[in-house]
Amino acid sequence: MPSLRVSYQTLEFSCADIHLRTLRDLQQFSDDTGEAERLGIPLPSWPLFGVIWDSGQVLAHLMSSYDIAGKRILEVGCGIALASLVLNSRGADVTATDYHPEVANFLAENVRLNGGREIPFVRTGWQDQDTDLGRFDLIIGSDLIYELADLGMLAAFIDRHAAPSCEVLMVDPGRRWQTHFSEKMEQLGYSSSSSVPENTEYLLNPFEGKILRYKR
C-alpha cells in the first residue's frame, strides 16, 4: 500500500498563524494493521478526519478570541484539531478527542510544527461510558450532527463530560438534523440558541451553517 500523501499549509488567525500537516486530499487511505477496519471505519470515511472543513475553520476562528479564562475545554470529534491548535496557541487548557486511530499522530505532528505544548488526546467513541476525561466548562465540536441514529449518543457523551455549569458550542454546516440534536440537548436540561457567524471571509465559499449554543 502506498504511503499517505500529505500537504502543508498555514492558516492565519487573530491570535496566531497555525501551521498544519493534513492529508493531501480525500483519496488518501492507509490501514495496514487493520485497526480502522476493526473499529468499524469504512474506507470512504477513513480520510475525512485529515482535511480542513469549513465548519472546522469557523469553530477555530470563534476560538481565536473566545473567553477561555479559567475554563477546561474539550473538543469532540476533533479531526485535524484546528480549533484545539488555536486554543493551544492561546495557552488554553484543552483536551481533544476523536474515534479515528490516525488522529493522534497528526495532532502530535501539528503541535510540533507550531511549537506548542502537548495537547492531551483521548481516542474514544461517543458510546464509551468510561473515558476518564472528567468534566469540562466548555465543550466544542464542528460538523458532528450528520447521522440521526447517533444524535442521542453524541448528546449523552457531551452531558457525561459537562461540568454542572457548562457551555457547548457546535458549528454545523447546515445539515438536516440540527433541530433534532437541539431537542436531545434540551431534554438533558440545556437551553439552546443559534446564530450565523458574523464573518466568514476567510472561506472560499459562503457558509450556510450556524453556530449552535447550549448552556446549563
N, C-alpha and C. Protein backbone atom coordinates (compact mmCIF):
# COMPACT_ATOMS: atom_id res chain seq x y z
N MET A 1 0.85 -1.18 0.00
CA MET A 1 0.00 0.00 0.00
C MET A 1 0.89 1.24 0.00
N PRO A 2 0.64 2.24 -0.88
CA PRO A 2 1.50 3.42 -0.93
C PRO A 2 1.38 4.26 0.34
N SER A 3 2.41 5.06 0.60
CA SER A 3 2.39 5.94 1.75
C SER A 3 1.34 7.03 1.57
N LEU A 4 0.87 7.55 2.68
CA LEU A 4 -0.06 8.66 2.63
C LEU A 4 0.62 9.88 2.04
N ARG A 5 -0.10 10.62 1.20
CA ARG A 5 0.40 11.87 0.67
C ARG A 5 -0.20 13.00 1.50
N VAL A 6 0.62 13.93 1.93
CA VAL A 6 0.18 14.99 2.83
C VAL A 6 0.45 16.35 2.21
N SER A 7 -0.18 17.36 2.79
CA SER A 7 0.02 18.75 2.40
C SER A 7 0.38 19.57 3.63
N TYR A 8 1.10 20.65 3.41
CA TYR A 8 1.45 21.58 4.48
C TYR A 8 0.91 22.96 4.12
N GLN A 9 0.34 23.62 5.11
CA GLN A 9 -0.20 24.96 4.87
C GLN A 9 -0.23 25.73 6.18
N THR A 10 -0.42 27.03 6.06
CA THR A 10 -0.52 27.90 7.22
C THR A 10 -1.81 28.70 7.14
N LEU A 11 -2.57 28.70 8.21
CA LEU A 11 -3.81 29.48 8.29
C LEU A 11 -3.62 30.61 9.28
N GLU A 12 -4.12 31.77 8.95
CA GLU A 12 -3.95 32.96 9.78
C GLU A 12 -5.17 33.19 10.66
N PHE A 13 -4.90 33.45 11.93
CA PHE A 13 -5.94 33.79 12.90
C PHE A 13 -5.54 35.06 13.63
N SER A 14 -6.48 35.65 14.32
CA SER A 14 -6.18 36.89 15.02
C SER A 14 -5.12 36.71 16.10
N CYS A 15 -5.04 35.48 16.63
CA CYS A 15 -4.12 35.23 17.74
C CYS A 15 -2.80 34.62 17.29
N ALA A 16 -2.76 33.98 16.11
CA ALA A 16 -1.54 33.26 15.71
C ALA A 16 -1.68 32.76 14.28
N ASP A 17 -0.55 32.40 13.69
CA ASP A 17 -0.54 31.63 12.45
C ASP A 17 -0.42 30.16 12.83
N ILE A 18 -1.29 29.34 12.29
CA ILE A 18 -1.30 27.92 12.64
C ILE A 18 -0.80 27.12 11.44
N HIS A 19 0.27 26.36 11.66
CA HIS A 19 0.87 25.53 10.62
C HIS A 19 0.27 24.13 10.71
N LEU A 20 -0.06 23.57 9.56
CA LEU A 20 -0.79 22.30 9.54
C LEU A 20 -0.21 21.31 8.55
N ARG A 21 -0.14 20.08 8.99
CA ARG A 21 0.04 18.96 8.08
C ARG A 21 -1.30 18.25 7.99
N THR A 22 -1.83 18.13 6.79
CA THR A 22 -3.10 17.46 6.56
C THR A 22 -2.92 16.40 5.48
N LEU A 23 -3.93 15.61 5.26
CA LEU A 23 -3.94 14.74 4.10
C LEU A 23 -4.00 15.60 2.84
N ARG A 24 -3.37 15.13 1.78
CA ARG A 24 -3.36 15.90 0.54
C ARG A 24 -4.76 16.05 -0.03
N ASP A 25 -5.57 14.99 0.07
CA ASP A 25 -6.93 15.02 -0.45
C ASP A 25 -7.71 13.85 0.14
N LEU A 26 -8.95 13.70 -0.30
CA LEU A 26 -9.81 12.66 0.24
C LEU A 26 -9.62 11.31 -0.44
N GLN A 27 -8.59 11.19 -1.25
CA GLN A 27 -8.28 9.91 -1.88
C GLN A 27 -7.25 9.11 -1.08
N GLN A 28 -6.76 9.67 0.02
CA GLN A 28 -5.73 9.00 0.81
C GLN A 28 -6.35 7.93 1.71
N PHE A 29 -5.60 6.84 1.90
CA PHE A 29 -6.09 5.75 2.76
C PHE A 29 -4.90 4.90 3.17
N SER A 30 -4.87 4.53 4.45
CA SER A 30 -3.83 3.64 4.94
C SER A 30 -4.33 2.95 6.20
N ASP A 31 -4.42 1.63 6.13
CA ASP A 31 -4.86 0.86 7.29
C ASP A 31 -4.14 -0.48 7.29
N ASP A 32 -2.82 -0.43 7.26
CA ASP A 32 -2.01 -1.64 7.14
C ASP A 32 -2.28 -2.64 8.27
N THR A 33 -2.52 -2.12 9.47
CA THR A 33 -2.72 -3.00 10.62
C THR A 33 -4.17 -3.46 10.76
N GLY A 34 -5.07 -2.85 9.99
CA GLY A 34 -6.48 -3.21 10.09
C GLY A 34 -7.19 -2.59 11.27
N GLU A 35 -6.55 -1.63 11.94
CA GLU A 35 -7.15 -1.05 13.14
C GLU A 35 -8.44 -0.30 12.82
N ALA A 36 -8.40 0.51 11.76
CA ALA A 36 -9.61 1.26 11.40
C ALA A 36 -10.75 0.31 11.04
N GLU A 37 -10.43 -0.75 10.33
CA GLU A 37 -11.46 -1.73 9.97
C GLU A 37 -12.07 -2.37 11.21
N ARG A 38 -11.22 -2.70 12.19
CA ARG A 38 -11.72 -3.30 13.43
C ARG A 38 -12.61 -2.32 14.19
N LEU A 39 -12.34 -1.03 14.03
CA LEU A 39 -13.13 -0.01 14.71
C LEU A 39 -14.40 0.32 13.94
N GLY A 40 -14.57 -0.27 12.78
CA GLY A 40 -15.78 -0.04 12.00
C GLY A 40 -15.74 1.19 11.14
N ILE A 41 -14.53 1.68 10.82
CA ILE A 41 -14.40 2.86 9.97
C ILE A 41 -14.24 2.40 8.53
N PRO A 42 -15.23 2.64 7.67
CA PRO A 42 -15.15 2.16 6.28
C PRO A 42 -14.16 2.98 5.46
N LEU A 43 -13.71 2.40 4.36
CA LEU A 43 -12.73 3.07 3.51
C LEU A 43 -13.17 4.46 3.08
N PRO A 44 -14.41 4.70 2.63
CA PRO A 44 -14.80 6.05 2.21
C PRO A 44 -14.71 7.09 3.32
N SER A 45 -14.88 6.64 4.57
CA SER A 45 -14.85 7.58 5.70
C SER A 45 -13.45 7.79 6.26
N TRP A 46 -12.51 6.92 5.90
CA TRP A 46 -11.19 6.96 6.53
C TRP A 46 -10.51 8.32 6.42
N PRO A 47 -10.49 8.98 5.24
CA PRO A 47 -9.73 10.23 5.14
C PRO A 47 -10.44 11.47 5.67
N LEU A 48 -11.68 11.36 6.11
CA LEU A 48 -12.44 12.56 6.46
C LEU A 48 -11.82 13.33 7.62
N PHE A 49 -11.13 12.63 8.51
CA PHE A 49 -10.52 13.30 9.67
C PHE A 49 -9.41 14.25 9.26
N GLY A 50 -8.76 13.99 8.12
CA GLY A 50 -7.45 14.56 7.85
C GLY A 50 -7.40 15.76 6.95
N VAL A 51 -8.55 16.37 6.64
CA VAL A 51 -8.58 17.58 5.83
C VAL A 51 -9.28 18.68 6.61
N ILE A 52 -9.17 19.89 6.11
CA ILE A 52 -9.77 21.04 6.79
C ILE A 52 -11.15 21.30 6.19
N TRP A 53 -12.15 21.31 7.03
CA TRP A 53 -13.51 21.58 6.60
C TRP A 53 -13.91 23.00 7.00
N ASP A 54 -14.87 23.57 6.26
CA ASP A 54 -15.30 24.95 6.55
C ASP A 54 -15.80 25.09 7.99
N SER A 55 -16.56 24.11 8.46
CA SER A 55 -17.09 24.19 9.84
C SER A 55 -15.95 24.24 10.85
N GLY A 56 -14.89 23.48 10.58
CA GLY A 56 -13.74 23.49 11.47
C GLY A 56 -13.05 24.84 11.49
N GLN A 57 -12.99 25.49 10.34
CA GLN A 57 -12.40 26.82 10.29
C GLN A 57 -13.25 27.84 11.06
N VAL A 58 -14.56 27.74 10.91
CA VAL A 58 -15.45 28.66 11.64
C VAL A 58 -15.26 28.48 13.14
N LEU A 59 -15.21 27.23 13.59
CA LEU A 59 -15.01 26.97 15.02
C LEU A 59 -13.67 27.50 15.49
N ALA A 60 -12.62 27.28 14.70
CA ALA A 60 -11.28 27.74 15.08
C ALA A 60 -11.23 29.26 15.17
N HIS A 61 -11.86 29.95 14.23
CA HIS A 61 -11.88 31.42 14.29
C HIS A 61 -12.68 31.89 15.49
N LEU A 62 -13.74 31.19 15.83
CA LEU A 62 -14.50 31.54 17.03
C LEU A 62 -13.64 31.39 18.28
N MET A 63 -12.84 30.34 18.32
CA MET A 63 -11.98 30.09 19.48
C MET A 63 -10.77 31.02 19.53
N SER A 64 -10.45 31.69 18.44
CA SER A 64 -9.27 32.57 18.43
C SER A 64 -9.45 33.79 19.33
N SER A 65 -10.71 34.13 19.66
CA SER A 65 -10.94 35.29 20.51
C SER A 65 -11.96 35.00 21.62
N TYR A 66 -12.30 33.74 21.81
CA TYR A 66 -13.32 33.38 22.79
C TYR A 66 -12.77 33.52 24.21
N ASP A 67 -13.65 33.82 25.15
CA ASP A 67 -13.25 33.91 26.55
C ASP A 67 -12.94 32.51 27.08
N ILE A 68 -11.67 32.26 27.35
CA ILE A 68 -11.26 30.92 27.80
C ILE A 68 -10.68 30.95 29.22
N ALA A 69 -10.68 32.08 29.85
CA ALA A 69 -10.04 32.23 31.15
C ALA A 69 -10.63 31.26 32.17
N GLY A 70 -9.77 30.43 32.77
CA GLY A 70 -10.18 29.52 33.82
C GLY A 70 -11.03 28.35 33.35
N LYS A 71 -11.16 28.15 32.04
CA LYS A 71 -12.04 27.11 31.54
C LYS A 71 -11.26 25.87 31.11
N ARG A 72 -11.80 24.73 31.46
CA ARG A 72 -11.30 23.46 30.93
C ARG A 72 -12.14 23.13 29.70
N ILE A 73 -11.47 22.89 28.57
CA ILE A 73 -12.15 22.81 27.27
C ILE A 73 -11.95 21.44 26.64
N LEU A 74 -13.02 20.91 26.05
CA LEU A 74 -12.97 19.63 25.36
C LEU A 74 -13.41 19.81 23.91
N GLU A 75 -12.58 19.35 22.95
CA GLU A 75 -13.02 19.31 21.57
C GLU A 75 -13.43 17.88 21.24
N VAL A 76 -14.67 17.72 20.81
CA VAL A 76 -15.23 16.41 20.48
C VAL A 76 -15.14 16.18 18.98
N GLY A 77 -14.71 14.98 18.58
CA GLY A 77 -14.61 14.68 17.16
C GLY A 77 -13.68 15.65 16.46
N CYS A 78 -12.48 15.80 16.98
CA CYS A 78 -11.61 16.93 16.59
C CYS A 78 -11.07 16.83 15.17
N GLY A 79 -10.95 15.62 14.60
CA GLY A 79 -10.36 15.51 13.27
C GLY A 79 -8.95 16.06 13.24
N ILE A 80 -8.69 17.03 12.39
CA ILE A 80 -7.36 17.63 12.31
C ILE A 80 -7.10 18.57 13.49
N ALA A 81 -8.12 18.82 14.31
CA ALA A 81 -8.00 19.53 15.59
C ALA A 81 -7.56 20.98 15.43
N LEU A 82 -8.05 21.65 14.40
CA LEU A 82 -7.66 23.04 14.18
C LEU A 82 -8.05 23.94 15.35
N ALA A 83 -9.27 23.77 15.86
CA ALA A 83 -9.70 24.60 16.99
C ALA A 83 -8.83 24.36 18.22
N SER A 84 -8.46 23.11 18.47
CA SER A 84 -7.60 22.81 19.62
C SER A 84 -6.21 23.44 19.45
N LEU A 85 -5.71 23.44 18.23
CA LEU A 85 -4.41 24.05 17.97
C LEU A 85 -4.46 25.56 18.19
N VAL A 86 -5.54 26.19 17.77
CA VAL A 86 -5.71 27.63 18.01
C VAL A 86 -5.79 27.89 19.51
N LEU A 87 -6.58 27.10 20.22
CA LEU A 87 -6.69 27.27 21.67
C LEU A 87 -5.36 27.04 22.35
N ASN A 88 -4.61 26.05 21.88
CA ASN A 88 -3.31 25.76 22.47
C ASN A 88 -2.36 26.94 22.30
N SER A 89 -2.45 27.63 21.17
CA SER A 89 -1.60 28.79 20.94
C SER A 89 -1.92 29.92 21.91
N ARG A 90 -3.13 29.90 22.48
CA ARG A 90 -3.54 30.90 23.45
C ARG A 90 -3.29 30.45 24.88
N GLY A 91 -2.72 29.28 25.06
CA GLY A 91 -2.45 28.78 26.41
C GLY A 91 -3.65 28.18 27.10
N ALA A 92 -4.65 27.77 26.33
CA ALA A 92 -5.86 27.21 26.93
C ALA A 92 -5.63 25.81 27.47
N ASP A 93 -6.46 25.43 28.42
CA ASP A 93 -6.48 24.06 28.96
C ASP A 93 -7.44 23.27 28.09
N VAL A 94 -6.92 22.66 27.02
CA VAL A 94 -7.77 22.00 26.03
C VAL A 94 -7.38 20.53 25.89
N THR A 95 -8.38 19.68 25.76
CA THR A 95 -8.22 18.26 25.50
C THR A 95 -8.98 17.92 24.23
N ALA A 96 -8.40 17.07 23.39
CA ALA A 96 -9.03 16.70 22.12
C ALA A 96 -9.41 15.23 22.13
N THR A 97 -10.51 14.91 21.46
CA THR A 97 -10.94 13.52 21.34
C THR A 97 -11.38 13.24 19.90
N ASP A 98 -11.22 12.01 19.48
CA ASP A 98 -11.74 11.56 18.19
C ASP A 98 -11.71 10.04 18.21
N TYR A 99 -12.48 9.43 17.32
CA TYR A 99 -12.55 7.97 17.25
C TYR A 99 -11.51 7.39 16.29
N HIS A 100 -11.01 8.20 15.37
CA HIS A 100 -10.13 7.73 14.32
C HIS A 100 -8.73 7.41 14.87
N PRO A 101 -8.15 6.26 14.50
CA PRO A 101 -6.86 5.88 15.08
C PRO A 101 -5.67 6.69 14.60
N GLU A 102 -5.82 7.46 13.52
CA GLU A 102 -4.69 8.21 12.99
C GLU A 102 -4.64 9.65 13.50
N VAL A 103 -5.68 10.09 14.18
CA VAL A 103 -5.76 11.48 14.63
C VAL A 103 -4.61 11.84 15.56
N ALA A 104 -4.28 10.96 16.49
CA ALA A 104 -3.23 11.25 17.47
C ALA A 104 -1.90 11.56 16.79
N ASN A 105 -1.56 10.84 15.72
CA ASN A 105 -0.30 11.07 15.04
C ASN A 105 -0.27 12.44 14.37
N PHE A 106 -1.36 12.80 13.70
CA PHE A 106 -1.41 14.10 13.03
C PHE A 106 -1.42 15.23 14.07
N LEU A 107 -2.14 15.02 15.18
CA LEU A 107 -2.18 16.06 16.20
C LEU A 107 -0.80 16.30 16.79
N ALA A 108 -0.09 15.23 17.10
CA ALA A 108 1.25 15.38 17.68
C ALA A 108 2.19 16.12 16.72
N GLU A 109 2.11 15.80 15.43
CA GLU A 109 2.96 16.47 14.45
C GLU A 109 2.58 17.93 14.30
N ASN A 110 1.30 18.25 14.32
CA ASN A 110 0.89 19.64 14.19
C ASN A 110 1.22 20.46 15.42
N VAL A 111 1.17 19.85 16.58
CA VAL A 111 1.64 20.54 17.79
C VAL A 111 3.12 20.85 17.66
N ARG A 112 3.89 19.89 17.15
CA ARG A 112 5.32 20.12 16.95
C ARG A 112 5.58 21.24 15.96
N LEU A 113 4.84 21.26 14.86
CA LEU A 113 5.01 22.30 13.84
C LEU A 113 4.76 23.69 14.41
N ASN A 114 3.88 23.77 15.38
CA ASN A 114 3.53 25.06 15.96
C ASN A 114 4.29 25.37 17.24
N GLY A 115 5.18 24.47 17.64
CA GLY A 115 5.98 24.72 18.83
C GLY A 115 5.16 24.86 20.10
N GLY A 116 4.03 24.18 20.15
CA GLY A 116 3.15 24.33 21.30
C GLY A 116 3.34 23.24 22.35
N ARG A 117 2.60 23.39 23.44
CA ARG A 117 2.57 22.36 24.48
C ARG A 117 1.80 21.15 23.96
N GLU A 118 2.10 20.01 24.51
CA GLU A 118 1.36 18.80 24.15
C GLU A 118 -0.12 18.98 24.46
N ILE A 119 -0.97 18.62 23.51
CA ILE A 119 -2.41 18.65 23.73
C ILE A 119 -2.86 17.25 24.15
N PRO A 120 -3.42 17.10 25.33
CA PRO A 120 -3.92 15.79 25.74
C PRO A 120 -4.94 15.27 24.72
N PHE A 121 -4.80 14.01 24.33
CA PHE A 121 -5.70 13.42 23.35
C PHE A 121 -6.16 12.06 23.85
N VAL A 122 -7.47 11.80 23.67
CA VAL A 122 -8.03 10.50 24.02
C VAL A 122 -8.82 10.00 22.81
N ARG A 123 -8.45 8.80 22.34
CA ARG A 123 -9.24 8.19 21.27
C ARG A 123 -10.44 7.51 21.92
N THR A 124 -11.61 8.02 21.60
CA THR A 124 -12.82 7.49 22.23
C THR A 124 -14.00 7.68 21.30
N GLY A 125 -15.00 6.83 21.46
CA GLY A 125 -16.24 6.96 20.71
C GLY A 125 -17.34 7.48 21.60
N TRP A 126 -18.39 7.99 21.00
CA TRP A 126 -19.47 8.59 21.77
C TRP A 126 -20.20 7.56 22.62
N GLN A 127 -20.08 6.30 22.27
CA GLN A 127 -20.76 5.26 23.04
C GLN A 127 -19.99 4.87 24.29
N ASP A 128 -18.74 5.29 24.39
CA ASP A 128 -17.90 4.89 25.52
C ASP A 128 -18.40 5.52 26.81
N GLN A 129 -18.58 4.70 27.81
CA GLN A 129 -19.10 5.18 29.09
C GLN A 129 -18.01 5.65 30.04
N ASP A 130 -16.86 5.00 30.00
CA ASP A 130 -15.78 5.31 30.95
C ASP A 130 -14.55 5.78 30.18
N THR A 131 -14.34 7.08 30.13
CA THR A 131 -13.23 7.65 29.37
C THR A 131 -12.16 8.27 30.25
N ASP A 132 -12.43 8.47 31.53
CA ASP A 132 -11.51 9.13 32.46
C ASP A 132 -11.17 10.55 32.02
N LEU A 133 -12.01 11.14 31.18
CA LEU A 133 -11.76 12.51 30.73
C LEU A 133 -12.09 13.54 31.79
N GLY A 134 -13.08 13.23 32.60
CA GLY A 134 -13.52 14.20 33.58
C GLY A 134 -14.56 15.14 33.00
N ARG A 135 -14.71 16.30 33.64
CA ARG A 135 -15.76 17.25 33.27
C ARG A 135 -15.13 18.55 32.76
N PHE A 136 -15.89 19.23 31.88
CA PHE A 136 -15.35 20.41 31.21
C PHE A 136 -16.33 21.58 31.29
N ASP A 137 -15.77 22.78 31.27
CA ASP A 137 -16.57 24.00 31.34
C ASP A 137 -17.06 24.44 29.96
N LEU A 138 -16.31 24.07 28.93
CA LEU A 138 -16.66 24.42 27.56
C LEU A 138 -16.39 23.21 26.67
N ILE A 139 -17.40 22.78 25.93
CA ILE A 139 -17.28 21.64 25.02
C ILE A 139 -17.58 22.13 23.61
N ILE A 140 -16.69 21.81 22.66
CA ILE A 140 -16.82 22.34 21.30
C ILE A 140 -16.75 21.20 20.28
N GLY A 141 -17.28 21.47 19.10
CA GLY A 141 -17.20 20.50 18.02
C GLY A 141 -17.69 21.11 16.72
N SER A 142 -17.33 20.51 15.60
CA SER A 142 -17.76 21.01 14.30
C SER A 142 -18.20 19.86 13.40
N ASP A 143 -19.32 20.07 12.73
CA ASP A 143 -19.90 19.12 11.77
C ASP A 143 -20.01 17.71 12.36
N LEU A 144 -20.67 17.61 13.50
CA LEU A 144 -20.85 16.32 14.16
C LEU A 144 -22.27 15.79 14.04
N ILE A 145 -23.20 16.63 13.57
CA ILE A 145 -24.62 16.25 13.59
C ILE A 145 -25.01 15.71 12.22
N TYR A 146 -24.44 14.55 11.86
CA TYR A 146 -24.63 14.06 10.50
C TYR A 146 -25.39 12.74 10.41
N GLU A 147 -25.55 12.02 11.51
CA GLU A 147 -26.29 10.76 11.48
C GLU A 147 -27.39 10.82 12.54
N LEU A 148 -28.63 10.72 12.11
CA LEU A 148 -29.75 10.80 13.04
C LEU A 148 -29.64 9.76 14.15
N ALA A 149 -29.20 8.56 13.81
CA ALA A 149 -29.13 7.48 14.79
C ALA A 149 -28.10 7.74 15.88
N ASP A 150 -27.14 8.64 15.63
CA ASP A 150 -26.05 8.89 16.58
C ASP A 150 -26.30 10.09 17.47
N LEU A 151 -27.37 10.85 17.24
CA LEU A 151 -27.55 12.11 17.97
C LEU A 151 -27.74 11.89 19.46
N GLY A 152 -28.45 10.84 19.84
CA GLY A 152 -28.63 10.55 21.25
C GLY A 152 -27.32 10.22 21.92
N MET A 153 -26.47 9.43 21.26
CA MET A 153 -25.15 9.08 21.80
C MET A 153 -24.28 10.32 21.95
N LEU A 154 -24.30 11.21 20.94
CA LEU A 154 -23.50 12.42 20.99
C LEU A 154 -23.94 13.31 22.14
N ALA A 155 -25.24 13.51 22.28
CA ALA A 155 -25.75 14.35 23.36
C ALA A 155 -25.39 13.76 24.72
N ALA A 156 -25.51 12.45 24.86
CA ALA A 156 -25.19 11.79 26.13
C ALA A 156 -23.70 11.88 26.43
N PHE A 157 -22.85 11.74 25.41
CA PHE A 157 -21.40 11.85 25.58
C PHE A 157 -21.05 13.25 26.08
N ILE A 158 -21.63 14.25 25.46
CA ILE A 158 -21.39 15.63 25.90
C ILE A 158 -21.84 15.81 27.34
N ASP A 159 -23.02 15.32 27.66
CA ASP A 159 -23.56 15.50 29.01
C ASP A 159 -22.70 14.81 30.06
N ARG A 160 -22.14 13.63 29.73
CA ARG A 160 -21.28 12.92 30.68
C ARG A 160 -20.02 13.70 31.01
N HIS A 161 -19.61 14.57 30.11
CA HIS A 161 -18.36 15.29 30.30
C HIS A 161 -18.55 16.78 30.54
N ALA A 162 -19.79 17.19 30.79
CA ALA A 162 -20.09 18.59 31.05
C ALA A 162 -20.08 18.88 32.54
N ALA A 163 -19.42 19.95 32.91
CA ALA A 163 -19.44 20.40 34.30
C ALA A 163 -20.86 20.86 34.65
N PRO A 164 -21.17 20.98 35.95
CA PRO A 164 -22.52 21.41 36.33
C PRO A 164 -22.94 22.71 35.64
N SER A 165 -22.01 23.64 35.46
CA SER A 165 -22.25 24.85 34.68
C SER A 165 -21.37 24.76 33.45
N CYS A 166 -21.99 24.57 32.28
CA CYS A 166 -21.21 24.27 31.08
C CYS A 166 -21.83 24.95 29.87
N GLU A 167 -20.97 25.32 28.93
CA GLU A 167 -21.41 25.83 27.64
C GLU A 167 -20.93 24.87 26.55
N VAL A 168 -21.79 24.61 25.58
CA VAL A 168 -21.47 23.74 24.45
C VAL A 168 -21.62 24.55 23.17
N LEU A 169 -20.58 24.55 22.34
CA LEU A 169 -20.61 25.27 21.07
C LEU A 169 -20.39 24.28 19.93
N MET A 170 -21.33 24.20 19.02
CA MET A 170 -21.23 23.31 17.87
C MET A 170 -21.39 24.14 16.60
N VAL A 171 -20.49 23.95 15.65
CA VAL A 171 -20.65 24.60 14.35
C VAL A 171 -21.16 23.55 13.37
N ASP A 172 -22.31 23.81 12.80
CA ASP A 172 -22.94 22.87 11.88
C ASP A 172 -23.05 23.53 10.50
N PRO A 173 -22.67 22.81 9.43
CA PRO A 173 -22.67 23.42 8.09
C PRO A 173 -24.05 23.53 7.45
N GLY A 174 -25.08 23.11 8.18
CA GLY A 174 -26.43 23.20 7.62
C GLY A 174 -27.05 21.85 7.35
N ARG A 175 -26.63 20.85 8.10
CA ARG A 175 -27.22 19.52 7.93
C ARG A 175 -28.64 19.50 8.48
N ARG A 176 -29.36 18.47 8.12
CA ARG A 176 -30.81 18.47 8.36
C ARG A 176 -31.20 18.14 9.80
N TRP A 177 -30.25 17.69 10.64
CA TRP A 177 -30.64 17.18 11.95
C TRP A 177 -30.38 18.16 13.09
N GLN A 178 -30.16 19.44 12.78
CA GLN A 178 -29.90 20.42 13.83
C GLN A 178 -31.01 20.45 14.88
N THR A 179 -32.24 20.54 14.43
CA THR A 179 -33.37 20.64 15.36
C THR A 179 -33.48 19.41 16.23
N HIS A 180 -33.26 18.24 15.65
CA HIS A 180 -33.33 17.00 16.42
C HIS A 180 -32.27 16.98 17.51
N PHE A 181 -31.04 17.44 17.17
CA PHE A 181 -30.00 17.44 18.19
C PHE A 181 -30.32 18.43 19.29
N SER A 182 -30.82 19.61 18.93
CA SER A 182 -31.19 20.59 19.95
C SER A 182 -32.25 20.04 20.89
N GLU A 183 -33.19 19.27 20.34
CA GLU A 183 -34.21 18.66 21.19
C GLU A 183 -33.58 17.68 22.18
N LYS A 184 -32.59 16.90 21.71
CA LYS A 184 -31.90 15.97 22.60
C LYS A 184 -31.21 16.73 23.74
N MET A 185 -30.56 17.83 23.41
CA MET A 185 -29.86 18.61 24.43
C MET A 185 -30.84 19.25 25.41
N GLU A 186 -31.95 19.74 24.90
CA GLU A 186 -32.96 20.35 25.77
C GLU A 186 -33.54 19.32 26.73
N GLN A 187 -33.71 18.10 26.26
CA GLN A 187 -34.21 17.03 27.13
C GLN A 187 -33.25 16.73 28.28
N LEU A 188 -31.96 17.02 28.06
CA LEU A 188 -30.95 16.82 29.09
C LEU A 188 -30.79 18.04 30.00
N GLY A 189 -31.59 19.07 29.77
CA GLY A 189 -31.60 20.23 30.66
C GLY A 189 -30.81 21.43 30.18
N TYR A 190 -30.46 21.48 28.91
CA TYR A 190 -29.70 22.60 28.36
C TYR A 190 -30.64 23.56 27.63
N SER A 191 -30.37 24.85 27.77
CA SER A 191 -31.04 25.83 26.92
C SER A 191 -30.31 25.86 25.58
N SER A 192 -31.00 26.26 24.52
CA SER A 192 -30.37 26.23 23.20
C SER A 192 -30.64 27.53 22.44
N SER A 193 -29.69 27.89 21.60
CA SER A 193 -29.84 29.05 20.72
C SER A 193 -28.92 28.84 19.53
N SER A 194 -29.10 29.62 18.49
CA SER A 194 -28.25 29.51 17.32
C SER A 194 -28.02 30.88 16.71
N SER A 195 -26.95 31.00 15.95
CA SER A 195 -26.63 32.26 15.29
C SER A 195 -25.83 31.97 14.03
N VAL A 196 -25.75 32.96 13.18
CA VAL A 196 -24.95 32.87 11.96
C VAL A 196 -23.60 33.52 12.23
N PRO A 197 -22.49 32.90 11.81
CA PRO A 197 -21.18 33.52 12.03
C PRO A 197 -21.13 34.92 11.43
N GLU A 198 -20.53 35.86 12.14
CA GLU A 198 -20.52 37.25 11.69
C GLU A 198 -19.63 37.46 10.47
N ASN A 199 -18.53 36.75 10.40
CA ASN A 199 -17.57 36.98 9.32
C ASN A 199 -16.95 35.66 8.89
N THR A 200 -17.13 35.32 7.64
CA THR A 200 -16.51 34.09 7.11
C THR A 200 -15.75 34.40 5.81
N GLU A 201 -15.17 35.58 5.75
CA GLU A 201 -14.44 35.97 4.54
C GLU A 201 -13.21 35.10 4.28
N TYR A 202 -12.76 34.41 5.29
CA TYR A 202 -11.59 33.54 5.15
C TYR A 202 -11.93 32.25 4.40
N LEU A 203 -13.22 31.96 4.19
CA LEU A 203 -13.64 30.78 3.47
C LEU A 203 -13.74 31.07 1.97
N LEU A 204 -13.53 30.06 1.16
CA LEU A 204 -13.62 30.24 -0.29
C LEU A 204 -15.06 30.38 -0.76
N ASN A 205 -15.99 29.75 -0.03
CA ASN A 205 -17.40 29.78 -0.42
C ASN A 205 -18.26 30.28 0.73
N PRO A 206 -19.44 30.84 0.43
CA PRO A 206 -20.33 31.30 1.50
C PRO A 206 -20.66 30.16 2.46
N PHE A 207 -20.72 30.48 3.75
CA PHE A 207 -21.03 29.48 4.76
C PHE A 207 -22.51 29.53 5.07
N GLU A 208 -23.20 28.43 4.90
CA GLU A 208 -24.64 28.38 5.08
C GLU A 208 -25.06 27.73 6.40
N GLY A 209 -24.09 27.49 7.27
CA GLY A 209 -24.39 26.83 8.53
C GLY A 209 -24.63 27.79 9.67
N LYS A 210 -24.64 27.24 10.88
CA LYS A 210 -24.91 28.02 12.08
C LYS A 210 -23.98 27.61 13.22
N ILE A 211 -23.89 28.50 14.18
CA ILE A 211 -23.25 28.20 15.46
C ILE A 211 -24.37 27.84 16.43
N LEU A 212 -24.32 26.64 16.96
CA LEU A 212 -25.33 26.17 17.92
C LEU A 212 -24.75 26.28 19.31
N ARG A 213 -25.51 26.88 20.23
CA ARG A 213 -25.06 27.09 21.60
C ARG A 213 -26.02 26.42 22.57
N TYR A 214 -25.44 25.73 23.54
CA TYR A 214 -26.21 25.06 24.59
C TYR A 214 -25.61 25.40 25.93
N LYS A 215 -26.45 25.72 26.91
CA LYS A 215 -25.95 26.08 28.23
C LYS A 215 -26.81 25.43 29.32
N ARG A 216 -26.11 25.20 30.44
CA ARG A 216 -26.87 24.82 31.64
C ARG A 216 -26.15 25.37 32.86
